[in-house]
Amino acid sequence: MQPVTQVSGTAYPWGAKNIDTDVIIPAHWLKTIKRSGLGRGAFETVRAQPDNIFDDPRYAGAPILIAGDNFGCGSSREHAAWALADMGITAVIAPSFSDIFSGNAFKNGIVPVVLPQDAIDRLLEVARDQPVTVDLETMTVTTPYQDRFPFELDAFRRRCLMEGLDEVGLTLAKDTAISKFEERLDHERPWIGGERTNAGIAVEVAGRT
């Protein structure tokens, strides 16, 4: 996972509410366990409509999506986060998110930014022709018009995003501590290990040693 400290650029000024994961990535795309290629199926039903925002050349490759309330509701499919990431989206700004989607977003390097509806309305207006910046250092969303909207993130999840640590990365970051623990465990409880002779260890069985 790549570190995310700031996301800046064009934003999709969508604003749609109650977008569930089936809209983000339809079920027939869930046959794969690969993360790449899902961007082609992202918002498939929306893209089937003429003049949809996701095929508007003004927003091609936008790293930010501005959405409405309850974004990512529905099923728990992690493919929804994979599809957004494959589209190049690194931040989603909305008044609220499904808890499961929010967790999946964090694990896949996507920043779910919660802002009040009045801030969303302002960003939807600005993003029509101006860039938006999400800054994890200052914990703000800003625009060229001096708009500045503060947001909050869980401190641990913020650190993971800024250091590019997913669950595997977090484990590998503790590699030295894990190795030292295993060495100490081998010394203190040698019978736990797999291939050992256990010489000199008495085991009581049915009153005998």
N, C-alpha and C. Protein backbone atom coordinates (compact mmCIF):
# COMPACT_ATOMS: atom_id res chain seq x y z
N MET A 1 0.84 -1.19 0.00
CA MET A 1 0.00 0.00 0.00
C MET A 1 0.88 1.24 0.00
N GLN A 2 0.57 2.19 -0.87
CA GLN A 2 1.36 3.41 -0.97
C GLN A 2 0.97 4.40 0.14
N PRO A 3 1.95 5.11 0.71
CA PRO A 3 1.62 6.12 1.71
C PRO A 3 0.75 7.22 1.12
N VAL A 4 -0.17 7.73 1.93
CA VAL A 4 -1.04 8.82 1.51
C VAL A 4 -0.92 9.94 2.54
N THR A 5 -0.34 11.05 2.14
CA THR A 5 -0.26 12.21 3.02
C THR A 5 -1.12 13.36 2.51
N GLN A 6 -1.27 13.42 1.19
CA GLN A 6 -2.09 14.46 0.59
C GLN A 6 -2.67 13.95 -0.73
N VAL A 7 -3.93 14.26 -0.96
CA VAL A 7 -4.58 13.93 -2.23
C VAL A 7 -5.09 15.24 -2.81
N SER A 8 -4.60 15.58 -3.99
CA SER A 8 -4.96 16.86 -4.58
C SER A 8 -5.22 16.71 -6.06
N GLY A 9 -6.26 17.36 -6.55
CA GLY A 9 -6.56 17.30 -7.97
C GLY A 9 -8.04 17.45 -8.25
N THR A 10 -8.40 17.07 -9.45
CA THR A 10 -9.79 17.12 -9.87
C THR A 10 -10.62 16.18 -9.00
N ALA A 11 -11.87 16.54 -8.75
CA ALA A 11 -12.76 15.69 -7.97
C ALA A 11 -14.06 15.47 -8.74
N TYR A 12 -14.58 14.25 -8.67
CA TYR A 12 -15.90 13.98 -9.25
C TYR A 12 -16.96 14.66 -8.38
N PRO A 13 -17.65 15.69 -8.86
CA PRO A 13 -18.68 16.35 -8.05
C PRO A 13 -20.03 15.63 -8.20
N TRP A 14 -20.13 14.47 -7.57
CA TRP A 14 -21.29 13.61 -7.78
C TRP A 14 -22.41 13.92 -6.79
N GLY A 15 -22.17 13.70 -5.51
CA GLY A 15 -23.13 14.05 -4.48
C GLY A 15 -24.29 13.09 -4.29
N ALA A 16 -24.31 11.97 -5.00
CA ALA A 16 -25.42 11.02 -4.88
C ALA A 16 -25.45 10.37 -3.50
N LYS A 17 -26.65 10.16 -2.96
CA LYS A 17 -26.82 9.60 -1.62
C LYS A 17 -27.14 8.11 -1.68
N ASN A 18 -26.85 7.43 -0.56
CA ASN A 18 -27.19 6.01 -0.39
C ASN A 18 -26.65 5.13 -1.52
N ILE A 19 -25.43 5.39 -1.92
CA ILE A 19 -24.79 4.58 -2.96
C ILE A 19 -24.27 3.30 -2.33
N ASP A 20 -24.86 2.17 -2.73
CA ASP A 20 -24.44 0.91 -2.12
C ASP A 20 -23.31 0.27 -2.92
N THR A 21 -22.76 -0.79 -2.35
CA THR A 21 -21.59 -1.41 -2.97
C THR A 21 -21.93 -2.09 -4.30
N ASP A 22 -23.20 -2.42 -4.51
CA ASP A 22 -23.59 -3.01 -5.79
C ASP A 22 -23.56 -1.97 -6.90
N VAL A 23 -23.77 -0.71 -6.55
CA VAL A 23 -23.62 0.36 -7.53
C VAL A 23 -22.14 0.62 -7.79
N ILE A 24 -21.35 0.58 -6.73
CA ILE A 24 -19.91 0.82 -6.89
C ILE A 24 -19.28 -0.26 -7.77
N ILE A 25 -19.59 -1.52 -7.49
CA ILE A 25 -19.09 -2.62 -8.33
C ILE A 25 -20.14 -3.72 -8.35
N PRO A 26 -20.83 -3.92 -9.47
CA PRO A 26 -21.91 -4.92 -9.56
C PRO A 26 -21.43 -6.34 -9.24
N ALA A 27 -22.37 -7.17 -8.79
CA ALA A 27 -22.04 -8.50 -8.29
C ALA A 27 -21.34 -9.39 -9.30
N HIS A 28 -21.64 -9.23 -10.60
CA HIS A 28 -21.02 -10.14 -11.57
C HIS A 28 -19.52 -9.89 -11.75
N TRP A 29 -19.01 -8.82 -11.12
CA TRP A 29 -17.57 -8.57 -11.15
C TRP A 29 -16.86 -9.22 -9.96
N LEU A 30 -17.59 -9.88 -9.09
CA LEU A 30 -17.00 -10.40 -7.86
C LEU A 30 -16.37 -11.78 -8.02
N LYS A 31 -16.33 -12.30 -9.22
CA LYS A 31 -15.77 -13.63 -9.44
C LYS A 31 -14.25 -13.64 -9.31
N THR A 32 -13.65 -12.49 -9.41
CA THR A 32 -12.19 -12.41 -9.34
C THR A 32 -11.72 -12.09 -7.93
N ILE A 33 -10.51 -12.54 -7.61
CA ILE A 33 -9.89 -12.15 -6.34
C ILE A 33 -8.72 -11.20 -6.61
N LYS A 34 -8.59 -10.79 -7.87
CA LYS A 34 -7.54 -9.84 -8.24
C LYS A 34 -8.05 -8.42 -8.04
N ARG A 35 -7.17 -7.55 -7.60
CA ARG A 35 -7.57 -6.17 -7.35
C ARG A 35 -7.50 -5.31 -8.62
N SER A 36 -6.72 -5.75 -9.58
CA SER A 36 -6.57 -4.95 -10.80
C SER A 36 -7.69 -5.26 -11.79
N GLY A 37 -8.06 -4.26 -12.56
CA GLY A 37 -9.07 -4.44 -13.60
C GLY A 37 -10.48 -4.13 -13.18
N LEU A 38 -10.72 -3.99 -11.87
CA LEU A 38 -12.08 -3.75 -11.40
C LEU A 38 -12.57 -2.33 -11.70
N GLY A 39 -11.64 -1.44 -11.98
CA GLY A 39 -12.04 -0.08 -12.32
C GLY A 39 -12.92 -0.03 -13.55
N ARG A 40 -12.77 -1.02 -14.44
CA ARG A 40 -13.59 -1.06 -15.65
C ARG A 40 -15.06 -1.31 -15.33
N GLY A 41 -15.30 -1.99 -14.19
CA GLY A 41 -16.68 -2.28 -13.82
C GLY A 41 -17.25 -1.33 -12.79
N ALA A 42 -16.42 -0.42 -12.30
CA ALA A 42 -16.88 0.52 -11.27
C ALA A 42 -18.00 1.42 -11.81
N PHE A 43 -19.07 1.55 -11.05
CA PHE A 43 -20.22 2.39 -11.40
C PHE A 43 -20.77 2.04 -12.79
N GLU A 44 -20.78 0.76 -13.08
CA GLU A 44 -21.20 0.29 -14.41
C GLU A 44 -22.61 0.75 -14.77
N THR A 45 -23.54 0.65 -13.82
CA THR A 45 -24.92 1.05 -14.12
C THR A 45 -25.04 2.56 -14.30
N VAL A 46 -24.22 3.30 -13.58
CA VAL A 46 -24.22 4.76 -13.73
C VAL A 46 -23.64 5.14 -15.08
N ARG A 47 -22.58 4.45 -15.46
CA ARG A 47 -21.91 4.75 -16.73
C ARG A 47 -22.75 4.36 -17.94
N ALA A 48 -23.75 3.52 -17.71
CA ALA A 48 -24.64 3.14 -18.81
C ALA A 48 -25.57 4.29 -19.20
N GLN A 49 -25.64 5.30 -18.35
CA GLN A 49 -26.50 6.45 -18.61
C GLN A 49 -25.74 7.50 -19.41
N PRO A 50 -26.41 8.16 -20.34
CA PRO A 50 -25.72 9.20 -21.14
C PRO A 50 -25.32 10.39 -20.27
N ASP A 51 -24.21 11.00 -20.64
CA ASP A 51 -23.71 12.20 -19.96
C ASP A 51 -23.44 11.98 -18.48
N ASN A 52 -23.02 10.76 -18.11
CA ASN A 52 -22.72 10.50 -16.70
C ASN A 52 -21.38 11.14 -16.33
N ILE A 53 -21.24 11.43 -15.04
CA ILE A 53 -20.08 12.18 -14.57
C ILE A 53 -18.78 11.39 -14.68
N PHE A 54 -18.86 10.05 -14.61
CA PHE A 54 -17.64 9.25 -14.60
C PHE A 54 -16.99 9.13 -15.98
N ASP A 55 -17.74 9.43 -17.02
CA ASP A 55 -17.17 9.42 -18.36
C ASP A 55 -17.00 10.84 -18.92
N ASP A 56 -17.20 11.82 -18.07
CA ASP A 56 -17.01 13.22 -18.47
C ASP A 56 -15.50 13.49 -18.55
N PRO A 57 -14.98 13.88 -19.71
CA PRO A 57 -13.53 14.09 -19.84
C PRO A 57 -12.97 15.14 -18.90
N ARG A 58 -13.81 16.03 -18.39
CA ARG A 58 -13.32 17.05 -17.46
C ARG A 58 -12.82 16.43 -16.16
N TYR A 59 -13.33 15.24 -15.82
CA TYR A 59 -12.97 14.63 -14.54
C TYR A 59 -12.19 13.33 -14.71
N ALA A 60 -11.70 13.09 -15.91
CA ALA A 60 -10.98 11.84 -16.19
C ALA A 60 -9.78 11.69 -15.25
N GLY A 61 -9.70 10.55 -14.59
CA GLY A 61 -8.58 10.26 -13.70
C GLY A 61 -8.61 11.00 -12.38
N ALA A 62 -9.76 11.55 -12.01
CA ALA A 62 -9.85 12.30 -10.75
C ALA A 62 -9.51 11.41 -9.56
N PRO A 63 -8.66 11.89 -8.63
CA PRO A 63 -8.30 11.09 -7.46
C PRO A 63 -9.26 11.23 -6.28
N ILE A 64 -10.26 12.11 -6.43
CA ILE A 64 -11.20 12.38 -5.33
C ILE A 64 -12.63 12.23 -5.83
N LEU A 65 -13.46 11.63 -5.00
CA LEU A 65 -14.89 11.50 -5.29
C LEU A 65 -15.67 12.20 -4.18
N ILE A 66 -16.56 13.11 -4.56
CA ILE A 66 -17.43 13.77 -3.59
C ILE A 66 -18.81 13.14 -3.70
N ALA A 67 -19.26 12.52 -2.63
CA ALA A 67 -20.51 11.76 -2.66
C ALA A 67 -21.48 12.27 -1.60
N GLY A 68 -22.66 11.63 -1.56
CA GLY A 68 -23.67 11.99 -0.59
C GLY A 68 -23.67 11.09 0.63
N ASP A 69 -24.67 11.26 1.45
CA ASP A 69 -24.79 10.55 2.72
C ASP A 69 -24.87 9.03 2.52
N ASN A 70 -24.31 8.28 3.48
CA ASN A 70 -24.42 6.82 3.54
C ASN A 70 -23.72 6.14 2.37
N PHE A 71 -22.56 6.64 1.99
CA PHE A 71 -21.82 6.05 0.88
C PHE A 71 -21.25 4.69 1.28
N GLY A 72 -21.37 3.71 0.37
CA GLY A 72 -20.80 2.39 0.60
C GLY A 72 -21.68 1.47 1.42
N CYS A 73 -22.98 1.77 1.52
CA CYS A 73 -23.89 0.90 2.25
C CYS A 73 -24.10 -0.40 1.46
N GLY A 74 -24.83 -1.34 2.03
CA GLY A 74 -25.08 -2.60 1.33
C GLY A 74 -24.15 -3.70 1.78
N SER A 75 -23.70 -4.53 0.85
CA SER A 75 -22.90 -5.70 1.20
C SER A 75 -21.50 -5.28 1.65
N SER A 76 -20.79 -6.26 2.21
CA SER A 76 -19.46 -5.98 2.77
C SER A 76 -18.34 -6.17 1.76
N ARG A 77 -18.64 -6.36 0.50
CA ARG A 77 -17.62 -6.70 -0.51
C ARG A 77 -16.45 -5.71 -0.51
N GLU A 78 -15.26 -6.25 -0.32
CA GLU A 78 -14.06 -5.41 -0.37
C GLU A 78 -13.76 -4.98 -1.80
N HIS A 79 -14.37 -5.68 -2.76
CA HIS A 79 -14.18 -5.32 -4.17
C HIS A 79 -14.58 -3.86 -4.43
N ALA A 80 -15.48 -3.32 -3.61
CA ALA A 80 -15.89 -1.92 -3.81
C ALA A 80 -14.69 -0.99 -3.63
N ALA A 81 -13.92 -1.22 -2.58
CA ALA A 81 -12.72 -0.41 -2.36
C ALA A 81 -11.68 -0.69 -3.44
N TRP A 82 -11.55 -1.96 -3.84
CA TRP A 82 -10.60 -2.31 -4.90
C TRP A 82 -10.94 -1.58 -6.19
N ALA A 83 -12.24 -1.53 -6.52
CA ALA A 83 -12.66 -0.90 -7.77
C ALA A 83 -12.36 0.60 -7.76
N LEU A 84 -12.63 1.25 -6.63
CA LEU A 84 -12.33 2.68 -6.53
C LEU A 84 -10.83 2.93 -6.68
N ALA A 85 -10.04 2.11 -5.99
CA ALA A 85 -8.59 2.26 -6.08
C ALA A 85 -8.10 2.03 -7.50
N ASP A 86 -8.70 1.07 -8.19
CA ASP A 86 -8.28 0.78 -9.57
C ASP A 86 -8.67 1.92 -10.51
N MET A 87 -9.70 2.68 -10.14
CA MET A 87 -10.07 3.88 -10.90
C MET A 87 -9.08 5.02 -10.68
N GLY A 88 -8.29 4.90 -9.62
CA GLY A 88 -7.37 5.97 -9.27
C GLY A 88 -7.88 6.88 -8.17
N ILE A 89 -9.00 6.49 -7.55
CA ILE A 89 -9.57 7.30 -6.46
C ILE A 89 -8.83 6.99 -5.16
N THR A 90 -8.34 8.04 -4.50
CA THR A 90 -7.59 7.89 -3.26
C THR A 90 -8.30 8.52 -2.08
N ALA A 91 -9.35 9.30 -2.34
CA ALA A 91 -10.12 9.91 -1.25
C ALA A 91 -11.58 10.03 -1.67
N VAL A 92 -12.47 9.73 -0.73
CA VAL A 92 -13.90 9.92 -0.94
C VAL A 92 -14.39 10.85 0.16
N ILE A 93 -15.09 11.90 -0.22
CA ILE A 93 -15.61 12.87 0.74
C ILE A 93 -17.13 12.75 0.77
N ALA A 94 -17.70 12.54 1.94
CA ALA A 94 -19.15 12.36 2.07
C ALA A 94 -19.58 12.72 3.50
N PRO A 95 -20.88 12.95 3.72
CA PRO A 95 -21.35 13.23 5.08
C PRO A 95 -21.28 12.01 6.00
N SER A 96 -21.38 10.80 5.42
CA SER A 96 -21.28 9.59 6.23
C SER A 96 -20.97 8.40 5.33
N PHE A 97 -20.43 7.34 5.96
CA PHE A 97 -20.06 6.12 5.25
C PHE A 97 -20.59 4.91 6.00
N SER A 98 -20.80 3.83 5.27
CA SER A 98 -21.03 2.54 5.91
C SER A 98 -19.77 2.17 6.69
N ASP A 99 -19.94 1.62 7.89
CA ASP A 99 -18.78 1.26 8.72
C ASP A 99 -17.88 0.24 8.01
N ILE A 100 -18.49 -0.76 7.39
CA ILE A 100 -17.68 -1.80 6.73
C ILE A 100 -16.94 -1.22 5.54
N PHE A 101 -17.62 -0.41 4.74
CA PHE A 101 -16.93 0.20 3.60
C PHE A 101 -15.78 1.07 4.08
N SER A 102 -16.02 1.85 5.13
CA SER A 102 -14.98 2.72 5.66
C SER A 102 -13.75 1.92 6.06
N GLY A 103 -13.96 0.79 6.74
CA GLY A 103 -12.85 -0.07 7.13
C GLY A 103 -12.10 -0.62 5.93
N ASN A 104 -12.85 -1.05 4.91
CA ASN A 104 -12.22 -1.57 3.70
C ASN A 104 -11.44 -0.48 2.97
N ALA A 105 -11.96 0.73 3.00
CA ALA A 105 -11.27 1.85 2.34
C ALA A 105 -9.91 2.09 3.00
N PHE A 106 -9.89 2.17 4.32
CA PHE A 106 -8.64 2.39 5.03
C PHE A 106 -7.62 1.31 4.69
N LYS A 107 -8.06 0.06 4.63
CA LYS A 107 -7.15 -1.06 4.37
C LYS A 107 -6.59 -1.04 2.95
N ASN A 108 -7.22 -0.27 2.08
CA ASN A 108 -6.79 -0.23 0.69
C ASN A 108 -6.27 1.14 0.26
N GLY A 109 -5.88 1.95 1.24
CA GLY A 109 -5.24 3.22 0.93
C GLY A 109 -6.17 4.30 0.42
N ILE A 110 -7.45 4.22 0.78
CA ILE A 110 -8.42 5.25 0.39
C ILE A 110 -8.85 6.00 1.63
N VAL A 111 -8.82 7.33 1.57
CA VAL A 111 -9.17 8.16 2.72
C VAL A 111 -10.67 8.48 2.70
N PRO A 112 -11.44 7.98 3.66
CA PRO A 112 -12.86 8.35 3.75
C PRO A 112 -13.02 9.60 4.63
N VAL A 113 -13.31 10.71 4.01
CA VAL A 113 -13.38 11.99 4.72
C VAL A 113 -14.84 12.33 5.00
N VAL A 114 -15.16 12.51 6.27
CA VAL A 114 -16.52 12.87 6.67
C VAL A 114 -16.60 14.38 6.91
N LEU A 115 -17.51 15.03 6.17
CA LEU A 115 -17.75 16.46 6.33
C LEU A 115 -19.25 16.72 6.40
N PRO A 116 -19.66 17.79 7.05
CA PRO A 116 -21.09 18.12 7.10
C PRO A 116 -21.64 18.46 5.72
N GLN A 117 -22.96 18.38 5.59
CA GLN A 117 -23.59 18.57 4.28
C GLN A 117 -23.31 19.94 3.68
N ASP A 118 -23.24 20.98 4.50
CA ASP A 118 -22.98 22.31 3.93
C ASP A 118 -21.59 22.38 3.30
N ALA A 119 -20.62 21.68 3.90
CA ALA A 119 -19.28 21.63 3.30
C ALA A 119 -19.30 20.83 2.00
N ILE A 120 -20.06 19.73 2.00
CA ILE A 120 -20.20 18.93 0.78
C ILE A 120 -20.81 19.77 -0.34
N ASP A 121 -21.84 20.52 -0.02
CA ASP A 121 -22.50 21.36 -1.03
C ASP A 121 -21.51 22.37 -1.62
N ARG A 122 -20.69 22.96 -0.77
CA ARG A 122 -19.70 23.92 -1.26
C ARG A 122 -18.67 23.23 -2.16
N LEU A 123 -18.20 22.06 -1.75
CA LEU A 123 -17.21 21.34 -2.54
C LEU A 123 -17.78 20.89 -3.89
N LEU A 124 -19.04 20.50 -3.89
CA LEU A 124 -19.68 20.11 -5.16
C LEU A 124 -19.70 21.28 -6.13
N GLU A 125 -19.90 22.46 -5.60
CA GLU A 125 -19.92 23.66 -6.43
C GLU A 125 -18.52 23.98 -6.97
N VAL A 126 -17.54 23.96 -6.07
CA VAL A 126 -16.17 24.32 -6.46
C VAL A 126 -15.58 23.30 -7.42
N ALA A 127 -15.84 22.01 -7.16
CA ALA A 127 -15.21 20.94 -7.93
C ALA A 127 -15.65 20.87 -9.38
N ARG A 128 -16.66 21.62 -9.74
CA ARG A 128 -17.07 21.63 -11.15
C ARG A 128 -15.94 22.09 -12.07
N ASP A 129 -15.11 23.01 -11.56
CA ASP A 129 -14.04 23.50 -12.43
C ASP A 129 -12.74 23.83 -11.68
N GLN A 130 -12.67 23.44 -10.40
CA GLN A 130 -11.47 23.73 -9.62
C GLN A 130 -11.03 22.48 -8.84
N PRO A 131 -9.73 22.37 -8.55
CA PRO A 131 -9.24 21.21 -7.80
C PRO A 131 -9.59 21.29 -6.32
N VAL A 132 -9.46 20.16 -5.66
CA VAL A 132 -9.71 20.04 -4.22
C VAL A 132 -8.51 19.32 -3.62
N THR A 133 -8.17 19.69 -2.38
CA THR A 133 -7.03 19.06 -1.71
C THR A 133 -7.45 18.47 -0.37
N VAL A 134 -7.11 17.21 -0.16
CA VAL A 134 -7.30 16.53 1.12
C VAL A 134 -5.92 16.35 1.74
N ASP A 135 -5.69 16.96 2.89
CA ASP A 135 -4.36 16.94 3.51
C ASP A 135 -4.43 16.21 4.85
N LEU A 136 -3.71 15.09 4.95
CA LEU A 136 -3.72 14.32 6.20
C LEU A 136 -2.78 14.91 7.24
N GLU A 137 -1.84 15.75 6.82
CA GLU A 137 -0.96 16.42 7.78
C GLU A 137 -1.75 17.45 8.58
N THR A 138 -2.51 18.27 7.88
CA THR A 138 -3.28 19.33 8.54
C THR A 138 -4.70 18.92 8.86
N MET A 139 -5.12 17.75 8.34
CA MET A 139 -6.47 17.24 8.53
C MET A 139 -7.51 18.24 8.04
N THR A 140 -7.30 18.72 6.82
CA THR A 140 -8.22 19.68 6.23
C THR A 140 -8.48 19.35 4.77
N VAL A 141 -9.64 19.81 4.29
CA VAL A 141 -9.96 19.81 2.87
C VAL A 141 -10.00 21.27 2.44
N THR A 142 -9.23 21.61 1.41
CA THR A 142 -9.14 23.00 0.99
C THR A 142 -9.41 23.15 -0.50
N THR A 143 -9.70 24.40 -0.90
CA THR A 143 -9.93 24.73 -2.30
C THR A 143 -9.14 25.99 -2.65
N PRO A 144 -9.01 26.31 -3.94
CA PRO A 144 -8.31 27.53 -4.33
C PRO A 144 -9.00 28.81 -3.86
N TYR A 145 -10.26 28.70 -3.42
CA TYR A 145 -11.01 29.87 -2.95
C TYR A 145 -10.87 30.09 -1.45
N GLN A 146 -9.85 29.49 -0.86
CA GLN A 146 -9.56 29.63 0.57
C GLN A 146 -10.57 28.93 1.47
N ASP A 147 -11.40 28.07 0.90
CA ASP A 147 -12.25 27.22 1.74
C ASP A 147 -11.34 26.28 2.53
N ARG A 148 -11.69 26.05 3.78
CA ARG A 148 -10.88 25.17 4.63
C ARG A 148 -11.82 24.42 5.57
N PHE A 149 -11.95 23.12 5.33
CA PHE A 149 -12.87 22.31 6.11
C PHE A 149 -12.08 21.26 6.91
N PRO A 150 -12.06 21.37 8.23
CA PRO A 150 -11.35 20.37 9.05
C PRO A 150 -12.13 19.06 9.13
N PHE A 151 -11.41 17.96 9.22
CA PHE A 151 -12.06 16.66 9.40
C PHE A 151 -11.27 15.84 10.41
N GLU A 152 -11.84 14.73 10.83
CA GLU A 152 -11.19 13.88 11.83
C GLU A 152 -11.00 12.47 11.29
N LEU A 153 -9.93 11.84 11.73
CA LEU A 153 -9.66 10.43 11.43
C LEU A 153 -9.15 9.76 12.69
N ASP A 154 -9.45 8.49 12.84
CA ASP A 154 -8.87 7.72 13.92
C ASP A 154 -7.34 7.80 13.81
N ALA A 155 -6.67 8.08 14.93
CA ALA A 155 -5.23 8.31 14.92
C ALA A 155 -4.45 7.12 14.36
N PHE A 156 -4.87 5.91 14.73
CA PHE A 156 -4.17 4.72 14.25
C PHE A 156 -4.34 4.55 12.74
N ARG A 157 -5.57 4.74 12.26
CA ARG A 157 -5.81 4.60 10.82
C ARG A 157 -5.11 5.70 10.03
N ARG A 158 -5.07 6.88 10.59
CA ARG A 158 -4.35 7.98 9.92
C ARG A 158 -2.87 7.62 9.78
N ARG A 159 -2.29 7.08 10.84
CA ARG A 159 -0.88 6.68 10.78
C ARG A 159 -0.66 5.61 9.71
N CYS A 160 -1.57 4.63 9.65
CA CYS A 160 -1.44 3.56 8.66
C CYS A 160 -1.49 4.12 7.24
N LEU A 161 -2.40 5.07 7.00
CA LEU A 161 -2.49 5.67 5.67
C LEU A 161 -1.21 6.44 5.34
N MET A 162 -0.73 7.23 6.28
CA MET A 162 0.42 8.08 6.01
C MET A 162 1.72 7.28 5.86
N GLU A 163 1.77 6.11 6.51
CA GLU A 163 2.96 5.28 6.40
C GLU A 163 2.80 4.15 5.39
N GLY A 164 1.61 4.06 4.78
CA GLY A 164 1.38 3.03 3.78
C GLY A 164 1.35 1.63 4.36
N LEU A 165 0.74 1.48 5.53
CA LEU A 165 0.73 0.19 6.22
C LEU A 165 -0.65 -0.45 6.17
N ASP A 166 -0.77 -1.56 5.45
CA ASP A 166 -1.98 -2.36 5.54
C ASP A 166 -1.75 -3.40 6.63
N GLU A 167 -2.64 -4.40 6.75
CA GLU A 167 -2.51 -5.37 7.83
C GLU A 167 -1.23 -6.19 7.71
N VAL A 168 -0.84 -6.52 6.48
CA VAL A 168 0.41 -7.26 6.28
C VAL A 168 1.59 -6.37 6.63
N GLY A 169 1.54 -5.12 6.18
CA GLY A 169 2.62 -4.19 6.47
C GLY A 169 2.79 -3.94 7.95
N LEU A 170 1.68 -3.87 8.68
CA LEU A 170 1.75 -3.68 10.13
C LEU A 170 2.46 -4.85 10.80
N THR A 171 2.16 -6.06 10.33
CA THR A 171 2.81 -7.25 10.88
C THR A 171 4.30 -7.25 10.58
N LEU A 172 4.65 -6.95 9.33
CA LEU A 172 6.06 -6.93 8.95
C LEU A 172 6.84 -5.86 9.69
N ALA A 173 6.17 -4.76 10.04
CA ALA A 173 6.83 -3.69 10.79
C ALA A 173 7.23 -4.15 12.19
N LYS A 174 6.58 -5.21 12.67
CA LYS A 174 6.88 -5.75 14.00
C LYS A 174 7.77 -6.99 13.91
N ASP A 175 8.41 -7.19 12.77
CA ASP A 175 9.17 -8.42 12.53
C ASP A 175 10.25 -8.65 13.59
N THR A 176 10.99 -7.60 13.94
CA THR A 176 12.06 -7.75 14.94
C THR A 176 11.49 -8.14 16.29
N ALA A 177 10.41 -7.47 16.71
CA ALA A 177 9.80 -7.78 18.00
C ALA A 177 9.24 -9.20 18.01
N ILE A 178 8.65 -9.63 16.88
CA ILE A 178 8.10 -10.98 16.80
C ILE A 178 9.22 -12.02 16.91
N SER A 179 10.34 -11.77 16.24
CA SER A 179 11.47 -12.71 16.28
C SER A 179 12.03 -12.82 17.69
N LYS A 180 12.15 -11.69 18.39
CA LYS A 180 12.66 -11.71 19.76
C LYS A 180 11.72 -12.46 20.68
N PHE A 181 10.41 -12.28 20.48
CA PHE A 181 9.43 -13.00 21.29
C PHE A 181 9.54 -14.50 21.07
N GLU A 182 9.69 -14.91 19.80
CA GLU A 182 9.79 -16.34 19.50
C GLU A 182 11.06 -16.94 20.11
N GLU A 183 12.16 -16.19 20.09
CA GLU A 183 13.40 -16.68 20.69
C GLU A 183 13.22 -16.86 22.19
N ARG A 184 12.58 -15.89 22.84
CA ARG A 184 12.35 -15.99 24.28
C ARG A 184 11.42 -17.15 24.60
N LEU A 185 10.41 -17.34 23.76
CA LEU A 185 9.46 -18.43 23.98
C LEU A 185 10.16 -19.78 23.82
N ASP A 186 11.05 -19.88 22.83
CA ASP A 186 11.80 -21.13 22.64
C ASP A 186 12.63 -21.46 23.88
N HIS A 187 13.16 -20.43 24.51
CA HIS A 187 14.00 -20.64 25.69
C HIS A 187 13.16 -20.99 26.92
N GLU A 188 12.04 -20.28 27.09
CA GLU A 188 11.24 -20.46 28.29
C GLU A 188 10.31 -21.67 28.21
N ARG A 189 9.83 -22.00 27.02
CA ARG A 189 8.87 -23.10 26.85
C ARG A 189 9.26 -23.94 25.63
N PRO A 190 10.33 -24.65 25.72
CA PRO A 190 10.83 -25.39 24.56
C PRO A 190 9.88 -26.46 24.04
N TRP A 191 8.95 -26.93 24.90
CA TRP A 191 8.02 -27.98 24.46
C TRP A 191 6.98 -27.48 23.46
N ILE A 192 6.86 -26.15 23.31
CA ILE A 192 5.87 -25.60 22.39
C ILE A 192 6.34 -25.71 20.94
N GLY A 193 7.66 -25.68 20.74
CA GLY A 193 8.21 -25.71 19.39
C GLY A 193 7.88 -26.99 18.66
N GLY A 194 8.05 -26.97 17.36
CA GLY A 194 7.70 -28.12 16.54
C GLY A 194 8.70 -29.25 16.60
N GLU A 195 9.87 -29.08 16.01
CA GLU A 195 10.84 -30.16 15.90
C GLU A 195 11.90 -30.01 16.99
N ARG A 196 11.66 -30.65 18.11
CA ARG A 196 12.61 -30.62 19.21
C ARG A 196 12.68 -32.00 19.84
N THR A 197 13.81 -32.29 20.44
CA THR A 197 13.97 -33.59 21.09
C THR A 197 13.35 -33.60 22.47
N ASN A 198 13.20 -32.38 23.08
CA ASN A 198 12.65 -32.27 24.42
C ASN A 198 13.40 -33.14 25.43
N ALA A 199 14.70 -33.33 25.20
CA ALA A 199 15.50 -34.15 26.10
C ALA A 199 15.52 -33.55 27.50
N GLY A 200 15.36 -34.39 28.47
CA GLY A 200 15.45 -33.95 29.85
C GLY A 200 14.16 -33.41 30.41
N ILE A 201 13.09 -33.38 29.60
CA ILE A 201 11.82 -32.87 30.09
C ILE A 201 10.97 -34.04 30.55
N ALA A 202 10.58 -34.02 31.80
CA ALA A 202 9.77 -35.11 32.34
C ALA A 202 8.30 -34.82 32.08
N VAL A 203 7.60 -35.81 31.59
CA VAL A 203 6.17 -35.67 31.33
C VAL A 203 5.43 -36.70 32.15
N GLU A 204 4.54 -36.24 32.99
CA GLU A 204 3.79 -37.16 33.83
C GLU A 204 2.61 -37.72 33.06
N VAL A 205 2.53 -39.01 32.99
CA VAL A 205 1.41 -39.67 32.33
C VAL A 205 0.89 -40.76 33.25
N ALA A 206 -0.33 -40.61 33.65
CA ALA A 206 -0.99 -41.61 34.50
C ALA A 206 -0.15 -41.95 35.73
N GLY A 207 0.44 -40.93 36.34
CA GLY A 207 1.18 -41.14 37.57
C GLY A 207 2.60 -41.61 37.36
N ARG A 208 3.05 -41.77 36.10
CA ARG A 208 4.42 -42.20 35.84
C ARG A 208 5.20 -41.09 35.16
N THR A 209 6.53 -41.11 35.28
CA THR A 209 7.38 -40.13 34.61
C THR A 209 8.27 -40.84 33.62
